Amino acid sequence: MSSLRCKILQLAVLLVLAALQIGADHLESDECGCGRRG
């Protein structure tokens, strides 16, 4: 069970990192009005 929990935790971390990366790209893009250029 511990190995399964570890895999789930790794997936969760990867998902969070991916979401943060996508969010950063969105904030820095011209399409976003909530960025620094907004």
PDB file of N, CA and C in Angstrom:
ATOM      1  N   MET A   1       0.829  -1.209   0.000  1.00  0.00           N
ATOM      2  CA  MET A   1       0.000   0.000   0.000  1.00  0.00           C
ATOM      3  C   MET A   1       0.866   1.262   0.000  1.00  0.00           C
ATOM      4  N   SER A   2       2.005   1.197   0.685  1.00  0.00           N
ATOM      5  CA  SER A   2       2.844   2.395   0.766  1.00  0.00           C
ATOM      6  C   SER A   2       3.367   2.787  -0.614  1.00  0.00           C
ATOM      7  N   SER A   3       3.672   1.777  -1.456  1.00  0.00           N
ATOM      8  CA  SER A   3       4.178   2.091  -2.795  1.00  0.00           C
ATOM      9  C   SER A   3       3.096   2.770  -3.622  1.00  0.00           C
ATOM     10  N   LEU A   4       1.852   2.312  -3.486  1.00  0.00           N
ATOM     11  CA  LEU A   4       0.743   2.924  -4.218  1.00  0.00           C
ATOM     12  C   LEU A   4       0.544   4.366  -3.753  1.00  0.00           C
ATOM     13  N   ARG A   5       0.623   4.569  -2.454  1.00  0.00           N
ATOM     14  CA  ARG A   5       0.470   5.929  -1.915  1.00  0.00           C
ATOM     15  C   ARG A   5       1.589   6.822  -2.433  1.00  0.00           C
ATOM     16  N   CYS A   6       2.780   6.267  -2.525  1.00  0.00           N
ATOM     17  CA  CYS A   6       3.924   7.044  -3.012  1.00  0.00           C
ATOM     18  C   CYS A   6       3.702   7.445  -4.468  1.00  0.00           C
ATOM     19  N   LYS A   7       3.206   6.525  -5.279  1.00  0.00           N
ATOM     20  CA  LYS A   7       2.942   6.837  -6.689  1.00  0.00           C
ATOM     21  C   LYS A   7       1.884   7.929  -6.803  1.00  0.00           C
ATOM     22  N   ILE A   8       0.844   7.841  -5.971  1.00  0.00           N
ATOM     23  CA  ILE A   8      -0.213   8.854  -6.007  1.00  0.00           C
ATOM     24  C   ILE A   8       0.348  10.214  -5.607  1.00  0.00           C
ATOM     25  N   LEU A   9       1.216  10.219  -4.597  1.00  0.00           N
ATOM     26  CA  LEU A   9       1.816  11.481  -4.163  1.00  0.00           C
ATOM     27  C   LEU A   9       2.677  12.064  -5.279  1.00  0.00           C
ATOM     28  N   GLN A  10       3.439  11.219  -5.965  1.00  0.00           N
ATOM     29  CA  GLN A  10       4.288  11.706  -7.064  1.00  0.00           C
ATOM     30  C   GLN A  10       3.423  12.295  -8.177  1.00  0.00           C
ATOM     31  N   LEU A  11       2.308  11.619  -8.496  1.00  0.00           N
ATOM     32  CA  LEU A  11       1.409  12.130  -9.529  1.00  0.00           C
ATOM     33  C   LEU A  11       0.825  13.470  -9.108  1.00  0.00           C
ATOM     34  N   ALA A  12       0.451  13.587  -7.841  1.00  0.00           N
ATOM     35  CA  ALA A  12      -0.127  14.839  -7.352  1.00  0.00           C
ATOM     36  C   ALA A  12       0.889  15.973  -7.472  1.00  0.00           C
ATOM     37  N   VAL A  13       2.138  15.683  -7.113  1.00  0.00           N
ATOM     38  CA  VAL A  13       3.185  16.706  -7.201  1.00  0.00           C
ATOM     39  C   VAL A  13       3.398  17.128  -8.653  1.00  0.00           C
ATOM     40  N   LEU A  14       3.423  16.141  -9.559  1.00  0.00           N
ATOM     41  CA  LEU A  14       3.607  16.462 -10.975  1.00  0.00           C
ATOM     42  C   LEU A  14       2.455  17.320 -11.493  1.00  0.00           C
ATOM     43  N   LEU A  15       1.234  16.983 -11.072  1.00  0.00           N
ATOM     44  CA  LEU A  15       0.072  17.762 -11.511  1.00  0.00           C
ATOM     45  C   LEU A  15       0.155  19.190 -10.998  1.00  0.00           C
ATOM     46  N   VAL A  16       0.570  19.357  -9.750  1.00  0.00           N
ATOM     47  CA  VAL A  16       0.685  20.704  -9.181  1.00  0.00           C
ATOM     48  C   VAL A  16       1.750  21.506  -9.916  1.00  0.00           C
ATOM     49  N   LEU A  17       2.889  20.872 -10.171  1.00  0.00           N
ATOM     50  CA  LEU A  17       3.963  21.568 -10.880  1.00  0.00           C
ATOM     51  C   LEU A  17       3.521  21.957 -12.287  1.00  0.00           C
ATOM     52  N   ALA A  18       2.807  21.051 -12.965  1.00  0.00           N
ATOM     53  CA  ALA A  18       2.322  21.345 -14.311  1.00  0.00           C
ATOM     54  C   ALA A  18       1.335  22.504 -14.271  1.00  0.00           C
ATOM     55  N   ALA A  19       0.457  22.504 -13.279  1.00  0.00           N
ATOM     56  CA  ALA A  19      -0.529  23.580 -13.163  1.00  0.00           C
ATOM     57  C   ALA A  19       0.167  24.912 -12.901  1.00  0.00           C
ATOM     58  N   LEU A  20       1.185  24.899 -12.062  1.00  0.00           N
ATOM     59  CA  LEU A  20       1.921  26.136 -11.784  1.00  0.00           C
ATOM     60  C   LEU A  20       2.627  26.634 -13.036  1.00  0.00           C
ATOM     61  N   GLN A  21       3.210  25.717 -13.808  1.00  0.00           N
ATOM     62  CA  GLN A  21       3.910  26.103 -15.035  1.00  0.00           C
ATOM     63  C   GLN A  21       2.929  26.710 -16.041  1.00  0.00           C
ATOM     64  N   ILE A  22       1.764  26.064 -16.195  1.00  0.00           N
ATOM     65  CA  ILE A  22       0.743  26.573 -17.115  1.00  0.00           C
ATOM     66  C   ILE A  22       0.250  27.945 -16.644  1.00  0.00           C
ATOM     67  N   GLY A  23       0.058  28.079 -15.339  1.00  0.00           N
ATOM     68  CA  GLY A  23      -0.404  29.361 -14.792  1.00  0.00           C
ATOM     69  C   GLY A  23       0.615  30.464 -15.036  1.00  0.00           C
ATOM     70  N   ALA A  24       1.896  30.147 -14.864  1.00  0.00           N
ATOM     71  CA  ALA A  24       2.949  31.141 -15.077  1.00  0.00           C
ATOM     72  C   ALA A  24       2.987  31.547 -16.548  1.00  0.00           C
ATOM     73  N   ASP A  25       2.870  30.564 -17.439  1.00  0.00           N
ATOM     74  CA  ASP A  25       2.877  30.878 -18.867  1.00  0.00           C
ATOM     75  C   ASP A  25       1.674  31.747 -19.219  1.00  0.00           C
ATOM     76  N   HIS A  26       0.528  31.469 -18.611  1.00  0.00           N
ATOM     77  CA  HIS A  26      -0.676  32.247 -18.899  1.00  0.00           C
ATOM     78  C   HIS A  26      -0.519  33.679 -18.399  1.00  0.00           C
ATOM     79  N   LEU A  27       0.041  33.845 -17.211  1.00  0.00           N
ATOM     80  CA  LEU A  27       0.204  35.184 -16.652  1.00  0.00           C
ATOM     81  C   LEU A  27       1.166  36.011 -17.499  1.00  0.00           C
ATOM     82  N   GLU A  28       2.159  35.359 -18.079  1.00  0.00           N
ATOM     83  CA  GLU A  28       3.157  36.100 -18.853  1.00  0.00           C
ATOM     84  C   GLU A  28       2.752  36.267 -20.312  1.00  0.00           C
ATOM     85  N   SER A  29       1.625  35.650 -20.711  1.00  0.00           N
ATOM     86  CA  SER A  29       1.207  35.749 -22.104  1.00  0.00           C
ATOM     87  C   SER A  29       0.418  37.039 -22.326  1.00  0.00           C
ATOM     88  N   ASP A  30       0.270  37.424 -23.580  1.00  0.00           N
ATOM     89  CA  ASP A  30      -0.451  38.656 -23.905  1.00  0.00           C
ATOM     90  C   ASP A  30      -1.954  38.473 -23.779  1.00  0.00           C
ATOM     91  N   GLU A  31      -2.413  37.213 -23.771  1.00  0.00           N
ATOM     92  CA  GLU A  31      -3.851  36.971 -23.726  1.00  0.00           C
ATOM     93  C   GLU A  31      -4.433  37.221 -22.336  1.00  0.00           C
ATOM     94  N   CYS A  32      -3.576  37.221 -21.313  1.00  0.00           N
ATOM     95  CA  CYS A  32      -4.068  37.349 -19.947  1.00  0.00           C
ATOM     96  C   CYS A  32      -4.121  38.815 -19.541  1.00  0.00           C
ATOM     97  N   GLY A  33      -5.258  39.234 -18.987  1.00  0.00           N
ATOM     98  CA  GLY A  33      -5.398  40.627 -18.563  1.00  0.00           C
ATOM     99  C   GLY A  33      -4.989  40.818 -17.108  1.00  0.00           C
ATOM    100  N   CYS A  34      -4.688  39.714 -16.400  1.00  0.00           N
ATOM    101  CA  CYS A  34      -4.347  39.820 -14.979  1.00  0.00           C
ATOM    102  C   CYS A  34      -2.841  39.799 -14.777  1.00  0.00           C
ATOM    103  N   GLY A  35      -2.085  39.867 -15.858  1.00  0.00           N
ATOM    104  CA  GLY A  35      -0.629  39.825 -15.757  1.00  0.00           C
ATOM    105  C   GLY A  35      -0.042  41.188 -15.470  1.00  0.00           C
ATOM    106  N   ARG A  36       1.277  41.302 -15.630  1.00  0.00           N
ATOM    107  CA  ARG A  36       1.942  42.565 -15.330  1.00  0.00           C
ATOM    108  C   ARG A  36       1.544  43.637 -16.341  1.00  0.00           C
ATOM    109  N   ARG A  37       1.236  43.211 -17.574  1.00  0.00           N
ATOM    110  CA  ARG A  37       0.895  44.187 -18.611  1.00  0.00           C
ATOM    111  C   ARG A  37      -0.547  44.677 -18.481  1.00  0.00           C
ATOM    112  N   GLY A  38      -1.340  43.968 -17.675  1.00  0.00           N
ATOM    113  CA  GLY A  38      -2.763  44.278 -17.572  1.00  0.00           C
ATOM    114  C   GLY A  38      -3.012  45.664 -17.027  1.00  0.00           C
TER     115      GLY A  38
END
